Amino acid sequence: MCTLQLPYKITSSLDGYNELSRLYFNMAELVEHNKEVKVDFSLCKEFDGNLCAAVGAIFDRFSSKASIAIIGFSNRKVRSILSRNHFLQAFKETTDPAERENFVKYFRFGTNDSEGFKKYIDEWLIGKQKFPAHTKTVGNSLVASIYEIYANAAMHGETNFVYSCGEYKEETTTFDMAIVDLGETIPHNVNTFFEKKGMQRVTDCEAIAWAFIEGNTTKENTGGLGLSLLKEFIELNKGALHLVSAGGFVEYANGKFNYHNLDKVFPGTIVNIKFNFNDSKRYLMSSEKPDFNDLL
């Protein structure tokens, strides 16, 4: 038996994604030689609840090789965040309707559960009172766009499960929604596709940026990541999009891309959508007729 100590904080940032990549790498090493692994949260004082999607995926990957126990919740705030969203089943955290506005529960979806995922996004995210005002058409379009991330993982990533979770951050009035899989990475798929076409390989960040572009796909007769409408909404909403895959992290915010290299490879894909909930605009599609309350 051995113990893996988590760091002081794991957040939706370059440092946080580096920590998740290290967590995977360290877990892989430990389970090679140990049948029991304890993951110690005692030093962790700041944890973004949406990243339960990534941590859950990592624990799932190794649970068939070793017994994994989570210990050391000295920080009540972190324990509360991880309990109320159903990630920690051992602690029963009672939540009322008002409190449920602040999180999307942790859930693992099979790759054949399309309707379940759509319903989950519609009810737990788009349907929140704090979510920026929008018409039903916009809401349906956002559900369809976010669903494409799930469908892409199932089709391109060739994974068995897709993990998701969300968390509201009161200090920044933003809501982060993470969708994670541990299938084939975006850079692997893009560069394999490029090689088949006789094209030159690109860096991990360049491959992720290529996948951002509407219509780009590594599969015949299918679309790309489906991020076009979501990207447009995020730009108007002044939010952000994070894509982490293999050794790259690409952030889209304020109308531009920022590229970062990870210290260690993340063996899958994290899509984190950061919505700005301090947004007084009302959103509608260009095909819809606005009234005097509509703000584009």
C-alpha atoms as a PDB file:
ATOM      1  CA  MET A   1       0.000   0.000   0.000  1.00  0.00           C
ATOM      2  CA  CYS A   2       1.160   3.568  -0.721  1.00  0.00           C
ATOM      3  CA  THR A   3      -0.162   7.128  -0.447  1.00  0.00           C
ATOM      4  CA  LEU A   4      -0.343   9.776  -3.171  1.00  0.00           C
ATOM      5  CA  GLN A   5      -0.448  13.338  -1.834  1.00  0.00           C
ATOM      6  CA  LEU A   6      -2.451  15.900  -3.809  1.00  0.00           C
ATOM      7  CA  PRO A   7      -1.148  19.496  -4.035  1.00  0.00           C
ATOM      8  CA  TYR A   8      -2.492  22.628  -2.325  1.00  0.00           C
ATOM      9  CA  LYS A   9      -4.769  23.475  -5.240  1.00  0.00           C
ATOM     10  CA  ILE A  10      -6.099  22.054  -8.487  1.00  0.00           C
ATOM     11  CA  THR A  11      -7.896  24.664 -10.589  1.00  0.00           C
ATOM     12  CA  SER A  12      -9.036  25.185 -14.191  1.00  0.00           C
ATOM     13  CA  SER A  13      -5.730  26.725 -15.280  1.00  0.00           C
ATOM     14  CA  LEU A  14      -2.389  25.732 -16.770  1.00  0.00           C
ATOM     15  CA  ASP A  15      -1.103  24.797 -13.304  1.00  0.00           C
ATOM     16  CA  GLY A  16      -4.229  22.769 -12.606  1.00  0.00           C
ATOM     17  CA  TYR A  17      -4.073  20.858 -15.880  1.00  0.00           C
ATOM     18  CA  ASN A  18      -0.398  20.151 -15.204  1.00  0.00           C
ATOM     19  CA  GLU A  19      -1.385  18.728 -11.809  1.00  0.00           C
ATOM     20  CA  LEU A  20      -3.999  16.465 -13.422  1.00  0.00           C
ATOM     21  CA  SER A  21      -1.422  15.196 -15.916  1.00  0.00           C
ATOM     22  CA  ARG A  22       0.982  14.509 -13.037  1.00  0.00           C
ATOM     23  CA  LEU A  23      -1.786  12.740 -11.115  1.00  0.00           C
ATOM     24  CA  TYR A  24      -2.311  10.355 -14.038  1.00  0.00           C
ATOM     25  CA  PHE A  25       1.441   9.758 -14.419  1.00  0.00           C
ATOM     26  CA  ASN A  26       1.941   9.138 -10.681  1.00  0.00           C
ATOM     27  CA  MET A  27      -1.093   6.840 -10.458  1.00  0.00           C
ATOM     28  CA  ALA A  28       0.172   4.805 -13.397  1.00  0.00           C
ATOM     29  CA  GLU A  29       3.519   4.293 -11.671  1.00  0.00           C
ATOM     30  CA  LEU A  30       2.035   3.422  -8.274  1.00  0.00           C
ATOM     31  CA  VAL A  31      -0.498   0.844  -9.451  1.00  0.00           C
ATOM     32  CA  GLU A  32       2.264  -1.050 -11.255  1.00  0.00           C
ATOM     33  CA  HIS A  33       3.715  -2.052  -7.881  1.00  0.00           C
ATOM     34  CA  ASN A  34       0.861  -1.654  -5.387  1.00  0.00           C
ATOM     35  CA  LYS A  35      -2.542  -3.256  -4.997  1.00  0.00           C
ATOM     36  CA  GLU A  36      -3.783  -0.442  -2.748  1.00  0.00           C
ATOM     37  CA  VAL A  37      -3.349   3.292  -3.330  1.00  0.00           C
ATOM     38  CA  LYS A  38      -4.575   6.034  -0.997  1.00  0.00           C
ATOM     39  CA  VAL A  39      -5.123   9.490  -2.490  1.00  0.00           C
ATOM     40  CA  ASP A  40      -4.614  12.061   0.256  1.00  0.00           C
ATOM     41  CA  PHE A  41      -6.492  15.386   0.037  1.00  0.00           C
ATOM     42  CA  SER A  42      -5.231  16.707   3.411  1.00  0.00           C
ATOM     43  CA  LEU A  43      -3.033  19.418   1.855  1.00  0.00           C
ATOM     44  CA  CYS A  44      -5.586  20.378  -0.793  1.00  0.00           C
ATOM     45  CA  LYS A  45      -7.292  23.641   0.162  1.00  0.00           C
ATOM     46  CA  GLU A  46      -8.608  24.713  -3.254  1.00  0.00           C
ATOM     47  CA  PHE A  47     -10.259  22.401  -5.767  1.00  0.00           C
ATOM     48  CA  ASP A  48     -12.462  23.318  -8.720  1.00  0.00           C
ATOM     49  CA  GLY A  49     -15.465  20.995  -8.578  1.00  0.00           C
ATOM     50  CA  ASN A  50     -15.760  20.772 -12.372  1.00  0.00           C
ATOM     51  CA  LEU A  51     -12.405  18.952 -12.434  1.00  0.00           C
ATOM     52  CA  CYS A  52     -13.985  15.993 -10.653  1.00  0.00           C
ATOM     53  CA  ALA A  53     -14.702  14.906 -14.233  1.00  0.00           C
ATOM     54  CA  ALA A  54     -10.966  14.496 -14.882  1.00  0.00           C
ATOM     55  CA  VAL A  55     -10.109  13.022 -11.475  1.00  0.00           C
ATOM     56  CA  GLY A  56     -12.966  10.530 -11.767  1.00  0.00           C
ATOM     57  CA  ALA A  57     -11.780   9.459 -15.212  1.00  0.00           C
ATOM     58  CA  ILE A  58      -8.240   8.924 -13.879  1.00  0.00           C
ATOM     59  CA  PHE A  59      -9.415   6.907 -10.871  1.00  0.00           C
ATOM     60  CA  ASP A  60     -11.650   4.811 -13.127  1.00  0.00           C
ATOM     61  CA  ARG A  61      -8.747   4.021 -15.436  1.00  0.00           C
ATOM     62  CA  PHE A  62      -6.750   2.400 -12.629  1.00  0.00           C
ATOM     63  CA  SER A  63      -9.512   0.980 -10.426  1.00  0.00           C
ATOM     64  CA  SER A  64      -9.303  -2.405 -12.155  1.00  0.00           C
ATOM     65  CA  LYS A  65      -5.586  -2.659 -11.309  1.00  0.00           C
ATOM     66  CA  ALA A  66      -5.618  -1.479  -7.703  1.00  0.00           C
ATOM     67  CA  SER A  67      -7.924  -0.541  -4.843  1.00  0.00           C
ATOM     68  CA  ILE A  68      -8.103   3.275  -4.701  1.00  0.00           C
ATOM     69  CA  ALA A  69      -9.173   5.019  -1.491  1.00  0.00           C
ATOM     70  CA  ILE A  70      -9.678   8.772  -0.998  1.00  0.00           C
ATOM     71  CA  ILE A  71      -8.612  10.100   2.414  1.00  0.00           C
ATOM     72  CA  GLY A  72      -7.648  13.237   4.332  1.00  0.00           C
ATOM     73  CA  PHE A  73     -10.463  15.746   4.000  1.00  0.00           C
ATOM     74  CA  SER A  74      -9.237  18.240   6.589  1.00  0.00           C
ATOM     75  CA  ASN A  75     -10.620  21.119   4.516  1.00  0.00           C
ATOM     76  CA  ARG A  76     -14.412  21.185   4.918  1.00  0.00           C
ATOM     77  CA  LYS A  77     -14.896  23.456   1.887  1.00  0.00           C
ATOM     78  CA  VAL A  78     -13.183  20.988  -0.458  1.00  0.00           C
ATOM     79  CA  ARG A  79     -15.044  18.059   1.083  1.00  0.00           C
ATOM     80  CA  SER A  80     -18.351  19.897   0.660  1.00  0.00           C
ATOM     81  CA  ILE A  81     -17.659  20.708  -3.004  1.00  0.00           C
ATOM     82  CA  LEU A  82     -16.769  17.086  -3.789  1.00  0.00           C
ATOM     83  CA  SER A  83     -19.716  15.691  -1.839  1.00  0.00           C
ATOM     84  CA  ARG A  84     -22.587  17.880  -2.994  1.00  0.00           C
ATOM     85  CA  ASN A  85     -21.833  17.130  -6.657  1.00  0.00           C
ATOM     86  CA  HIS A  86     -22.048  13.376  -5.903  1.00  0.00           C
ATOM     87  CA  PHE A  87     -18.350  12.718  -6.554  1.00  0.00           C
ATOM     88  CA  LEU A  88     -17.786  11.568  -2.973  1.00  0.00           C
ATOM     89  CA  GLN A  89     -20.584   9.124  -2.355  1.00  0.00           C
ATOM     90  CA  ALA A  90     -19.379   8.373   1.191  1.00  0.00           C
ATOM     91  CA  PHE A  91     -20.371  11.827   2.441  1.00  0.00           C
ATOM     92  CA  LYS A  92     -24.053  12.644   2.174  1.00  0.00           C
ATOM     93  CA  GLU A  93     -24.301  16.354   1.429  1.00  0.00           C
ATOM     94  CA  THR A  94     -27.858  17.669   1.490  1.00  0.00           C
ATOM     95  CA  THR A  95     -28.538  20.342  -1.125  1.00  0.00           C
ATOM     96  CA  ASP A  96     -31.622  22.495  -1.617  1.00  0.00           C
ATOM     97  CA  PRO A  97     -32.848  23.863  -4.998  1.00  0.00           C
ATOM     98  CA  ALA A  98     -30.970  27.156  -4.476  1.00  0.00           C
ATOM     99  CA  GLU A  99     -27.701  25.355  -3.754  1.00  0.00           C
ATOM    100  CA  ARG A 100     -28.083  23.197  -6.886  1.00  0.00           C
ATOM    101  CA  GLU A 101     -27.750  26.386  -8.916  1.00  0.00           C
ATOM    102  CA  ASN A 102     -24.041  26.285  -8.017  1.00  0.00           C
ATOM    103  CA  PHE A 103     -23.009  22.932  -9.469  1.00  0.00           C
ATOM    104  CA  VAL A 104     -23.682  20.258 -12.063  1.00  0.00           C
ATOM    105  CA  LYS A 105     -23.501  16.802 -10.540  1.00  0.00           C
ATOM    106  CA  TYR A 106     -20.655  14.473 -11.451  1.00  0.00           C
ATOM    107  CA  PHE A 107     -21.758  11.840 -13.932  1.00  0.00           C
ATOM    108  CA  ARG A 108     -20.191   9.091 -16.035  1.00  0.00           C
ATOM    109  CA  PHE A 109     -21.874   8.445 -19.388  1.00  0.00           C
ATOM    110  CA  GLY A 110     -21.523   5.424 -21.611  1.00  0.00           C
ATOM    111  CA  THR A 111     -20.861   6.270 -25.241  1.00  0.00           C
ATOM    112  CA  ASN A 112     -24.315   5.029 -26.265  1.00  0.00           C
ATOM    113  CA  ASP A 113     -26.194   7.348 -23.876  1.00  0.00           C
ATOM    114  CA  SER A 114     -26.781  10.262 -26.252  1.00  0.00           C
ATOM    115  CA  GLU A 115     -30.223  11.177 -24.940  1.00  0.00           C
ATOM    116  CA  GLY A 116     -29.084  10.944 -21.345  1.00  0.00           C
ATOM    117  CA  PHE A 117     -26.229  13.373 -21.984  1.00  0.00           C
ATOM    118  CA  LYS A 118     -28.470  15.864 -23.812  1.00  0.00           C
ATOM    119  CA  LYS A 119     -31.025  15.791 -20.982  1.00  0.00           C
ATOM    120  CA  TYR A 120     -28.234  16.237 -18.427  1.00  0.00           C
ATOM    121  CA  ILE A 121     -26.873  19.368 -20.174  1.00  0.00           C
ATOM    122  CA  ASP A 122     -30.340  20.828 -20.684  1.00  0.00           C
ATOM    123  CA  GLU A 123     -31.524  20.319 -17.095  1.00  0.00           C
ATOM    124  CA  TRP A 124     -28.330  20.809 -15.115  1.00  0.00           C
ATOM    125  CA  LEU A 125     -26.624  23.585 -17.108  1.00  0.00           C
ATOM    126  CA  ILE A 126     -28.729  25.452 -19.672  1.00  0.00           C
ATOM    127  CA  GLY A 127     -31.788  25.374 -17.423  1.00  0.00           C
ATOM    128  CA  LYS A 128     -30.104  27.159 -14.500  1.00  0.00           C
ATOM    129  CA  GLN A 129     -31.679  30.457 -13.431  1.00  0.00           C
ATOM    130  CA  LYS A 130     -28.235  32.074 -13.406  1.00  0.00           C
ATOM    131  CA  PHE A 131     -27.496  31.003 -16.971  1.00  0.00           C
ATOM    132  CA  PRO A 132     -27.543  34.039 -19.325  1.00  0.00           C
ATOM    133  CA  ALA A 133     -31.055  34.765 -20.645  1.00  0.00           C
ATOM    134  CA  HIS A 134     -31.769  33.179 -24.024  1.00  0.00           C
ATOM    135  CA  THR A 135     -34.538  31.986 -26.303  1.00  0.00           C
ATOM    136  CA  LYS A 136     -35.536  28.329 -26.491  1.00  0.00           C
ATOM    137  CA  THR A 137     -33.890  28.108 -29.917  1.00  0.00           C
ATOM    138  CA  VAL A 138     -30.564  29.294 -28.509  1.00  0.00           C
ATOM    139  CA  GLY A 139     -30.881  26.867 -25.590  1.00  0.00           C
ATOM    140  CA  ASN A 140     -31.530  23.934 -27.926  1.00  0.00           C
ATOM    141  CA  SER A 141     -28.613  24.979 -30.131  1.00  0.00           C
ATOM    142  CA  LEU A 142     -26.245  25.169 -27.153  1.00  0.00           C
ATOM    143  CA  VAL A 143     -27.319  21.707 -25.992  1.00  0.00           C
ATOM    144  CA  ALA A 144     -26.659  20.382 -29.518  1.00  0.00           C
ATOM    145  CA  SER A 145     -23.251  22.093 -29.652  1.00  0.00           C
ATOM    146  CA  ILE A 146     -22.129  20.744 -26.268  1.00  0.00           C
ATOM    147  CA  TYR A 147     -23.479  17.326 -27.217  1.00  0.00           C
ATOM    148  CA  GLU A 148     -21.068  17.325 -30.179  1.00  0.00           C
ATOM    149  CA  ILE A 149     -18.183  17.295 -27.669  1.00  0.00           C
ATOM    150  CA  TYR A 150     -19.607  14.110 -26.159  1.00  0.00           C
ATOM    151  CA  ALA A 151     -20.271  12.597 -29.615  1.00  0.00           C
ATOM    152  CA  ASN A 152     -16.745  13.475 -30.737  1.00  0.00           C
ATOM    153  CA  ALA A 153     -15.265  11.645 -27.750  1.00  0.00           C
ATOM    154  CA  ALA A 154     -17.361   8.573 -28.538  1.00  0.00           C
ATOM    155  CA  MET A 155     -16.544   8.571 -32.258  1.00  0.00           C
ATOM    156  CA  HIS A 156     -13.015   9.975 -32.501  1.00  0.00           C
ATOM    157  CA  GLY A 157     -11.656   9.161 -29.061  1.00  0.00           C
ATOM    158  CA  GLU A 158     -12.840   5.545 -29.161  1.00  0.00           C
ATOM    159  CA  THR A 159     -13.429   5.631 -25.409  1.00  0.00           C
ATOM    160  CA  ASN A 160     -15.886   3.686 -23.243  1.00  0.00           C
ATOM    161  CA  PHE A 161     -16.970   6.537 -21.002  1.00  0.00           C
ATOM    162  CA  VAL A 162     -17.333  10.314 -20.978  1.00  0.00           C
ATOM    163  CA  TYR A 163     -17.214  12.167 -17.643  1.00  0.00           C
ATOM    164  CA  SER A 164     -18.750  15.520 -16.812  1.00  0.00           C
ATOM    165  CA  CYS A 165     -19.176  17.923 -13.905  1.00  0.00           C
ATOM    166  CA  GLY A 166     -19.724  21.672 -13.319  1.00  0.00           C
ATOM    167  CA  GLU A 167     -19.051  24.281 -10.643  1.00  0.00           C
ATOM    168  CA  TYR A 168     -20.017  27.934 -10.055  1.00  0.00           C
ATOM    169  CA  LYS A 169     -17.301  30.262  -8.781  1.00  0.00           C
ATOM    170  CA  GLU A 170     -18.872  33.074  -6.815  1.00  0.00           C
ATOM    171  CA  GLU A 171     -15.703  35.192  -6.683  1.00  0.00           C
ATOM    172  CA  THR A 172     -15.572  35.424 -10.494  1.00  0.00           C
ATOM    173  CA  THR A 173     -19.298  34.819 -11.248  1.00  0.00           C
ATOM    174  CA  THR A 174     -18.249  32.155 -13.759  1.00  0.00           C
ATOM    175  CA  PHE A 175     -19.556  28.630 -14.214  1.00  0.00           C
ATOM    176  CA  ASP A 176     -17.113  25.974 -15.435  1.00  0.00           C
ATOM    177  CA  MET A 177     -18.389  22.843 -17.157  1.00  0.00           C
ATOM    178  CA  ALA A 178     -15.864  20.075 -17.872  1.00  0.00           C
ATOM    179  CA  ILE A 179     -16.296  17.142 -20.275  1.00  0.00           C
ATOM    180  CA  VAL A 180     -13.510  14.541 -20.153  1.00  0.00           C
ATOM    181  CA  ASP A 181     -12.539  11.299 -21.845  1.00  0.00           C
ATOM    182  CA  LEU A 182      -9.430   9.112 -21.773  1.00  0.00           C
ATOM    183  CA  GLY A 183      -9.637   7.899 -25.359  1.00  0.00           C
ATOM    184  CA  GLU A 184      -7.299   8.734 -28.231  1.00  0.00           C
ATOM    185  CA  THR A 185      -6.043  12.307 -27.979  1.00  0.00           C
ATOM    186  CA  ILE A 186      -6.833  15.079 -30.451  1.00  0.00           C
ATOM    187  CA  PRO A 187      -3.150  15.471 -31.503  1.00  0.00           C
ATOM    188  CA  HIS A 188      -2.872  11.722 -32.131  1.00  0.00           C
ATOM    189  CA  ASN A 189      -5.986  11.671 -34.320  1.00  0.00           C
ATOM    190  CA  VAL A 190      -5.085  14.848 -36.206  1.00  0.00           C
ATOM    191  CA  ASN A 191      -1.502  13.809 -36.947  1.00  0.00           C
ATOM    192  CA  THR A 192      -2.559  10.291 -37.972  1.00  0.00           C
ATOM    193  CA  PHE A 193      -5.034  11.919 -40.372  1.00  0.00           C
ATOM    194  CA  PHE A 194      -2.354  14.305 -41.689  1.00  0.00           C
ATOM    195  CA  GLU A 195       0.088  11.440 -42.316  1.00  0.00           C
ATOM    196  CA  LYS A 196      -2.530   9.515 -44.296  1.00  0.00           C
ATOM    197  CA  LYS A 197      -3.058  12.623 -46.434  1.00  0.00           C
ATOM    198  CA  GLY A 198       0.701  13.039 -46.945  1.00  0.00           C
ATOM    199  CA  MET A 199       0.726  16.201 -44.828  1.00  0.00           C
ATOM    200  CA  GLN A 200       3.339  17.268 -42.295  1.00  0.00           C
ATOM    201  CA  ARG A 201       2.821  16.514 -38.604  1.00  0.00           C
ATOM    202  CA  VAL A 202       2.084  19.475 -36.317  1.00  0.00           C
ATOM    203  CA  THR A 203       2.609  20.226 -32.638  1.00  0.00           C
ATOM    204  CA  ASP A 204       0.010  19.213 -30.063  1.00  0.00           C
ATOM    205  CA  CYS A 205      -1.221  22.808 -29.673  1.00  0.00           C
ATOM    206  CA  GLU A 206      -1.441  23.259 -33.444  1.00  0.00           C
ATOM    207  CA  ALA A 207      -3.437  20.027 -33.736  1.00  0.00           C
ATOM    208  CA  ILE A 208      -5.894  21.196 -31.061  1.00  0.00           C
ATOM    209  CA  ALA A 209      -6.256  24.594 -32.757  1.00  0.00           C
ATOM    210  CA  TRP A 210      -6.934  22.823 -36.082  1.00  0.00           C
ATOM    211  CA  ALA A 211      -9.739  20.854 -34.424  1.00  0.00           C
ATOM    212  CA  PHE A 212     -11.295  24.137 -33.273  1.00  0.00           C
ATOM    213  CA  ILE A 213     -11.959  25.197 -36.884  1.00  0.00           C
ATOM    214  CA  GLU A 214     -15.480  24.520 -38.133  1.00  0.00           C
ATOM    215  CA  GLY A 215     -15.615  21.645 -40.602  1.00  0.00           C
ATOM    216  CA  ASN A 216     -12.187  20.212 -39.764  1.00  0.00           C
ATOM    217  CA  THR A 217     -12.478  16.514 -38.943  1.00  0.00           C
ATOM    218  CA  THR A 218     -10.383  13.357 -39.008  1.00  0.00           C
ATOM    219  CA  LYS A 219     -13.405  11.195 -39.925  1.00  0.00           C
ATOM    220  CA  GLU A 220     -15.083  10.983 -43.314  1.00  0.00           C
ATOM    221  CA  ASN A 221     -18.562  12.486 -43.676  1.00  0.00           C
ATOM    222  CA  THR A 222     -18.666  13.962 -40.158  1.00  0.00           C
ATOM    223  CA  GLY A 223     -18.241  17.426 -38.691  1.00  0.00           C
ATOM    224  CA  GLY A 224     -15.497  18.615 -36.385  1.00  0.00           C
ATOM    225  CA  LEU A 225     -15.682  19.224 -32.645  1.00  0.00           C
ATOM    226  CA  GLY A 226     -18.900  21.183 -33.076  1.00  0.00           C
ATOM    227  CA  LEU A 227     -17.508  24.221 -31.300  1.00  0.00           C
ATOM    228  CA  SER A 228     -18.502  26.890 -33.831  1.00  0.00           C
ATOM    229  CA  LEU A 229     -21.748  28.078 -32.207  1.00  0.00           C
ATOM    230  CA  LEU A 230     -20.392  27.490 -28.700  1.00  0.00           C
ATOM    231  CA  LYS A 231     -17.291  29.532 -29.521  1.00  0.00           C
ATOM    232  CA  GLU A 232     -19.460  32.370 -30.835  1.00  0.00           C
ATOM    233  CA  PHE A 233     -21.622  32.295 -27.698  1.00  0.00           C
ATOM    234  CA  ILE A 234     -18.553  32.264 -25.424  1.00  0.00           C
ATOM    235  CA  GLU A 235     -17.089  35.278 -27.227  1.00  0.00           C
ATOM    236  CA  LEU A 236     -20.303  37.313 -26.807  1.00  0.00           C
ATOM    237  CA  ASN A 237     -20.662  36.083 -23.231  1.00  0.00           C
ATOM    238  CA  LYS A 238     -17.004  36.980 -22.413  1.00  0.00           C
ATOM    239  CA  GLY A 239     -16.346  33.454 -21.205  1.00  0.00           C
ATOM    240  CA  ALA A 240     -13.603  31.035 -22.259  1.00  0.00           C
ATOM    241  CA  LEU A 241     -13.006  27.605 -23.789  1.00  0.00           C
ATOM    242  CA  HIS A 242     -10.186  25.293 -22.666  1.00  0.00           C
ATOM    243  CA  LEU A 243      -9.033  22.268 -24.668  1.00  0.00           C
ATOM    244  CA  VAL A 244      -6.411  20.018 -23.075  1.00  0.00           C
ATOM    245  CA  SER A 245      -5.163  16.956 -24.938  1.00  0.00           C
ATOM    246  CA  ALA A 246      -1.845  15.067 -24.970  1.00  0.00           C
ATOM    247  CA  GLY A 247       0.874  17.684 -24.377  1.00  0.00           C
ATOM    248  CA  GLY A 248      -1.131  20.770 -25.351  1.00  0.00           C
ATOM    249  CA  PHE A 249      -3.527  23.219 -23.717  1.00  0.00           C
ATOM    250  CA  VAL A 250      -5.297  25.747 -25.965  1.00  0.00           C
ATOM    251  CA  GLU A 251      -7.426  28.491 -24.445  1.00  0.00           C
ATOM    252  CA  TYR A 252      -9.902  30.575 -26.441  1.00  0.00           C
ATOM    253  CA  ALA A 253     -10.837  33.835 -24.699  1.00  0.00           C
ATOM    254  CA  ASN A 254     -11.409  37.456 -25.707  1.00  0.00           C
ATOM    255  CA  GLY A 255     -11.510  36.458 -29.365  1.00  0.00           C
ATOM    256  CA  LYS A 256      -8.029  34.916 -29.498  1.00  0.00           C
ATOM    257  CA  PHE A 257      -6.163  31.661 -28.879  1.00  0.00           C
ATOM    258  CA  ASN A 258      -3.476  31.149 -26.251  1.00  0.00           C
ATOM    259  CA  TYR A 259      -1.175  28.129 -26.500  1.00  0.00           C
ATOM    260  CA  HIS A 260       0.503  26.294 -23.618  1.00  0.00           C
ATOM    261  CA  ASN A 261       2.611  23.146 -23.405  1.00  0.00           C
ATOM    262  CA  LEU A 262       1.965  20.772 -20.502  1.00  0.00           C
ATOM    263  CA  ASP A 263       4.794  19.409 -18.365  1.00  0.00           C
ATOM    264  CA  LYS A 264       3.461  15.873 -18.847  1.00  0.00           C
ATOM    265  CA  VAL A 265       1.110  14.377 -21.403  1.00  0.00           C
ATOM    266  CA  PHE A 266      -2.587  14.115 -20.497  1.00  0.00           C
ATOM    267  CA  PRO A 267      -3.702  10.822 -22.122  1.00  0.00           C
ATOM    268  CA  GLY A 268      -7.137  11.974 -23.213  1.00  0.00           C
ATOM    269  CA  THR A 269      -9.072  15.199 -23.672  1.00  0.00           C
ATOM    270  CA  ILE A 270     -10.477  17.798 -21.285  1.00  0.00           C
ATOM    271  CA  VAL A 271     -12.944  20.326 -22.679  1.00  0.00           C
ATOM    272  CA  ASN A 272     -13.708  22.988 -20.079  1.00  0.00           C
ATOM    273  CA  ILE A 273     -16.324  25.636 -20.887  1.00  0.00           C
ATOM    274  CA  LYS A 274     -16.236  28.777 -18.772  1.00  0.00           C
ATOM    275  CA  PHE A 275     -19.556  30.669 -18.859  1.00  0.00           C
ATOM    276  CA  ASN A 276     -19.839  34.224 -17.562  1.00  0.00           C
ATOM    277  CA  PHE A 277     -22.950  34.328 -15.365  1.00  0.00           C
ATOM    278  CA  ASN A 278     -22.604  38.082 -14.772  1.00  0.00           C
ATOM    279  CA  ASP A 279     -24.154  38.744 -18.170  1.00  0.00           C
ATOM    280  CA  SER A 280     -27.297  40.855 -18.583  1.00  0.00           C
ATOM    281  CA  LYS A 281     -27.693  40.241 -22.332  1.00  0.00           C
ATOM    282  CA  ARG A 282     -30.480  38.104 -23.764  1.00  0.00           C
ATOM    283  CA  TYR A 283     -29.378  35.780 -26.548  1.00  0.00           C
ATOM    284  CA  LEU A 284     -31.305  34.840 -29.679  1.00  0.00           C
ATOM    285  CA  MET A 285     -30.451  33.361 -33.052  1.00  0.00           C
ATOM    286  CA  SER A 286     -30.054  35.737 -35.987  1.00  0.00           C
ATOM    287  CA  SER A 287     -33.095  34.086 -37.603  1.00  0.00           C
ATOM    288  CA  GLU A 288     -35.307  35.046 -34.654  1.00  0.00           C
ATOM    289  CA  LYS A 289     -37.170  38.348 -34.526  1.00  0.00           C
ATOM    290  CA  PRO A 290     -36.023  40.419 -31.527  1.00  0.00           C
ATOM    291  CA  ASP A 291     -38.370  42.347 -29.279  1.00  0.00           C
ATOM    292  CA  PHE A 292     -37.556  45.456 -27.210  1.00  0.00           C
ATOM    293  CA  ASN A 293     -36.075  43.286 -24.427  1.00  0.00           C
ATOM    294  CA  ASP A 294     -33.639  41.463 -26.680  1.00  0.00           C
ATOM    295  CA  LEU A 295     -29.950  42.328 -26.556  1.00  0.00           C
ATOM    296  CA  LEU A 296     -27.635  40.702 -29.093  1.00  0.00           C
END
